[in-house]
């Protein structure tokens, strides 16, 4: 397998039409955090605390995913194996958000995808749409980064309240202004408490 990427939580390897993800080590997480925030050099205890939080959060999310009955296609047909996770290989959604008309179409589809996730009892926490989501071989938007999700409706309520999508890297750094403005407008109009209550269903667990 060929390594094609490394995020905060997982190493990513290419395997034909699939990708294989393995958890990053504590050292890898610390190094990534330090590169993002050099001031951690003067605050080693804070770096340690944040690293432990990320590892704990990752473990909790993986346990919840395995415990719940979720439509497999929403997470790119995710399969758990010993010390690794396999998914369908996707094209990052960000590659479709360069042209304004195409971007509008994909943003509308992305918000519909959010509602579909709510119907399955989970949601993204950061709404980092350009890099956390991708397009599968059927042209559908699915979740690429499953490490940043929550199964708690209260977390989604807070995200809506604080307009969490505006804090994401995708919103700040990865979209042209006219596309970002359209995205923001649609999120404000459609990511509402009313729609959350309408669509949210607790994900059932395996017996």
Protein backbone atom coordinates (compact mmCIF):
# COMPACT_ATOMS: atom_id res chain seq x y z
CA UNK A 1 0.00 0.00 0.00
CA UNK A 2 1.12 3.54 -0.74
CA UNK A 3 0.75 6.24 1.89
CA UNK A 4 -1.20 9.17 0.43
CA UNK A 5 -1.91 11.30 3.46
CA UNK A 6 -1.83 11.88 7.18
CA UNK A 7 -4.34 13.83 9.20
CA UNK A 8 -4.43 14.49 12.90
CA UNK A 9 -6.12 11.20 13.72
CA UNK A 10 -5.28 8.79 10.90
CA UNK A 11 -2.63 7.76 8.38
CA UNK A 12 -4.15 7.12 4.95
CA UNK A 13 -2.99 4.49 2.44
CA UNK A 14 -4.16 3.77 -1.10
CA UNK A 15 -5.37 0.25 -1.87
CA UNK A 16 -6.88 0.04 -5.36
CA UNK A 17 -10.33 1.60 -5.25
CA UNK A 18 -10.18 1.67 -1.45
CA UNK A 19 -8.25 3.55 1.20
CA UNK A 20 -6.96 2.08 4.44
CA UNK A 21 -6.67 4.21 7.56
CA UNK A 22 -4.58 3.47 10.63
CA UNK A 23 -4.61 5.52 13.84
CA UNK A 24 -1.82 8.06 14.18
CA UNK A 25 0.52 7.57 17.12
CA UNK A 26 0.71 9.87 20.10
CA UNK A 27 3.98 11.27 18.73
CA UNK A 28 2.43 11.96 15.32
CA UNK A 29 -0.48 13.81 16.93
CA UNK A 30 1.85 15.91 19.08
CA UNK A 31 4.03 16.77 16.09
CA UNK A 32 1.04 17.78 13.98
CA UNK A 33 -0.36 19.95 16.79
CA UNK A 34 3.02 21.59 17.31
CA UNK A 35 3.38 22.38 13.60
CA UNK A 36 -0.08 23.95 13.63
CA UNK A 37 0.48 25.81 16.90
CA UNK A 38 4.19 26.44 17.63
CA UNK A 39 3.30 28.17 20.92
CA UNK A 40 2.78 24.67 22.36
CA UNK A 41 6.57 24.61 22.73
CA UNK A 42 6.14 26.89 25.73
CA UNK A 43 3.10 25.00 27.01
CA UNK A 44 4.03 21.29 27.05
CA UNK A 45 1.35 20.41 29.58
CA UNK A 46 -1.33 21.90 27.32
CA UNK A 47 0.07 19.95 24.36
CA UNK A 48 -0.09 16.75 26.37
CA UNK A 49 -3.65 17.47 27.48
CA UNK A 50 -4.84 18.22 23.94
CA UNK A 51 -3.15 15.08 22.61
CA UNK A 52 -4.85 12.92 25.23
CA UNK A 53 -8.20 14.56 24.44
CA UNK A 54 -7.84 13.78 20.73
CA UNK A 55 -6.91 10.15 21.37
CA UNK A 56 -9.81 9.69 23.78
CA UNK A 57 -12.25 11.34 21.39
CA UNK A 58 -11.05 9.15 18.52
CA UNK A 59 -11.53 5.99 20.57
CA UNK A 60 -15.01 7.03 21.65
CA UNK A 61 -16.11 7.82 18.09
CA UNK A 62 -14.80 4.51 16.73
CA UNK A 63 -16.59 2.60 19.50
CA UNK A 64 -19.84 4.43 18.80
CA UNK A 65 -19.65 3.78 15.05
CA UNK A 66 -19.18 0.06 15.63
CA UNK A 67 -21.98 -0.01 18.18
CA UNK A 68 -24.58 1.76 16.00
CA UNK A 69 -26.63 0.65 13.03
CA UNK A 70 -25.73 3.20 10.36
CA UNK A 71 -26.31 3.13 6.62
CA UNK A 72 -22.82 1.98 5.42
CA UNK A 73 -22.80 4.14 2.29
CA UNK A 74 -22.95 7.35 4.36
CA UNK A 75 -19.41 6.64 5.59
CA UNK A 76 -18.04 5.32 2.29
CA UNK A 77 -18.76 1.68 3.21
CA UNK A 78 -16.47 1.75 6.19
CA UNK A 79 -15.14 -1.64 7.33
CA UNK A 80 -13.26 -2.25 10.59
CA UNK A 81 -10.36 -4.67 10.63
CA UNK A 82 -7.68 -5.29 13.24
CA UNK A 83 -5.76 -2.01 13.71
CA UNK A 84 -7.09 -0.56 10.44
CA UNK A 85 -10.21 0.79 8.78
CA UNK A 86 -11.10 0.48 5.09
CA UNK A 87 -13.28 2.86 3.06
CA UNK A 88 -14.15 3.49 -0.56
CA UNK A 89 -11.73 5.90 -2.22
CA UNK A 90 -13.40 9.28 -2.77
CA UNK A 91 -12.77 12.53 -4.59
CA UNK A 92 -12.62 15.33 -1.98
CA UNK A 93 -15.66 17.59 -2.16
CA UNK A 94 -13.40 20.64 -2.31
CA UNK A 95 -12.42 19.74 -5.87
CA UNK A 96 -16.02 20.41 -6.92
CA UNK A 97 -16.23 23.82 -5.24
CA UNK A 98 -14.12 25.86 -7.63
CA UNK A 99 -16.75 26.83 -10.22
CA UNK A 100 -19.62 28.89 -8.79
CA UNK A 101 -22.54 27.09 -10.46
CA UNK A 102 -21.15 23.63 -9.71
CA UNK A 103 -20.35 24.72 -6.16
CA UNK A 104 -23.93 25.86 -5.56
CA UNK A 105 -25.24 22.49 -6.67
CA UNK A 106 -22.80 20.57 -4.47
CA UNK A 107 -23.43 22.81 -1.45
CA UNK A 108 -27.16 22.13 -1.75
CA UNK A 109 -26.41 18.40 -1.97
CA UNK A 110 -24.06 18.65 1.01
CA UNK A 111 -26.74 20.16 3.23
CA UNK A 112 -29.16 17.43 2.16
CA UNK A 113 -26.43 14.95 3.13
CA UNK A 114 -26.22 16.56 6.58
CA UNK A 115 -29.96 15.96 6.99
CA UNK A 116 -29.47 12.34 5.92
CA UNK A 117 -26.81 11.94 8.60
CA UNK A 118 -29.20 13.41 11.17
CA UNK A 119 -31.77 10.79 10.16
CA UNK A 120 -29.11 8.21 11.07
CA UNK A 121 -28.38 9.79 14.43
CA UNK A 122 -25.01 11.41 13.85
CA UNK A 123 -23.52 14.64 12.54
CA UNK A 124 -20.26 16.26 11.67
CA UNK A 125 -18.97 18.50 14.43
CA UNK A 126 -16.86 20.93 12.40
CA UNK A 127 -18.58 21.09 8.98
CA UNK A 128 -15.18 21.09 7.30
CA UNK A 129 -16.92 20.23 4.07
CA UNK A 130 -14.09 20.52 1.52
CA UNK A 131 -11.83 17.96 3.20
CA UNK A 132 -14.09 15.89 5.47
CA UNK A 133 -16.47 14.85 2.69
CA UNK A 134 -16.06 13.36 -0.75
CA UNK A 135 -17.83 12.18 -3.88
CA UNK A 136 -18.16 8.43 -4.43
CA UNK A 137 -18.25 6.50 -7.71
CA UNK A 138 -22.01 7.07 -7.94
CA UNK A 139 -21.58 10.84 -7.70
CA UNK A 140 -22.98 11.00 -4.17
CA UNK A 141 -21.61 13.05 -1.28
CA UNK A 142 -20.51 10.86 1.63
CA UNK A 143 -18.43 11.25 4.77
CA UNK A 144 -14.68 10.86 4.31
CA UNK A 145 -13.41 11.83 7.77
CA UNK A 146 -15.41 9.91 10.36
CA UNK A 147 -13.16 11.08 13.20
CA UNK A 148 -15.01 14.38 13.57
CA UNK A 149 -18.58 13.25 14.19
CA UNK A 150 -20.91 13.19 17.17
CA UNK A 151 -23.91 11.07 18.11
CA UNK A 152 -25.20 13.66 20.58
CA UNK A 153 -28.02 15.91 19.45
CA UNK A 154 -26.95 18.48 22.06
CA UNK A 155 -23.60 18.86 20.26
CA UNK A 156 -25.43 19.64 17.03
CA UNK A 157 -27.67 22.15 18.78
CA UNK A 158 -24.59 23.97 20.04
CA UNK A 159 -22.95 23.85 16.59
CA UNK A 160 -26.03 25.48 15.08
CA UNK A 161 -26.17 28.08 17.83
CA UNK A 162 -22.54 29.18 17.42
CA UNK A 163 -22.57 28.76 13.60
CA UNK A 164 -19.72 26.29 13.88
CA UNK A 165 -19.18 26.05 10.11
CA UNK A 166 -17.78 29.60 10.13
CA UNK A 167 -14.87 28.46 12.30
CA UNK A 168 -13.81 25.61 10.01
CA UNK A 169 -10.68 25.61 7.86
CA UNK A 170 -12.84 25.03 4.78
CA UNK A 171 -14.85 28.19 5.43
CA UNK A 172 -11.88 30.39 6.28
CA UNK A 173 -9.27 29.12 3.83
CA UNK A 174 -10.64 26.84 1.16
CA UNK A 175 -13.47 28.63 -0.67
CA UNK A 176 -13.72 31.68 -2.88
CA UNK A 177 -15.69 34.54 -1.36
CA UNK A 178 -18.76 34.22 -3.59
CA UNK A 179 -18.92 30.49 -2.93
CA UNK A 180 -18.35 30.97 0.79
CA UNK A 181 -21.13 33.58 0.89
CA UNK A 182 -23.56 31.22 -0.83
CA UNK A 183 -22.59 28.39 1.54
CA UNK A 184 -23.02 30.60 4.60
CA UNK A 185 -26.45 31.79 3.44
CA UNK A 186 -27.68 28.25 2.82
CA UNK A 187 -26.36 27.00 6.15
CA UNK A 188 -28.04 29.86 8.00
CA UNK A 189 -31.34 29.19 6.28
CA UNK A 190 -31.33 25.39 6.48
CA UNK A 191 -29.25 24.36 9.51
CA UNK A 192 -31.92 25.32 12.02
CA UNK A 193 -33.25 23.91 15.28
CA UNK A 194 -36.52 23.28 13.49
CA UNK A 195 -34.88 21.10 10.84
CA UNK A 196 -32.76 19.34 13.46
CA UNK A 197 -35.90 18.37 15.38
CA UNK A 198 -37.56 17.35 12.12
CA UNK A 199 -34.80 15.05 10.90
CA UNK A 200 -32.92 13.83 13.98
CA UNK A 201 -33.37 10.19 14.96
CA UNK A 202 -31.24 8.33 17.47
CA UNK A 203 -29.11 5.71 15.78
CA UNK A 204 -30.17 2.24 16.98
CA UNK A 205 -27.54 -0.05 18.45
CA UNK A 206 -26.70 -3.61 17.49
CA UNK A 207 -28.29 -6.16 19.81
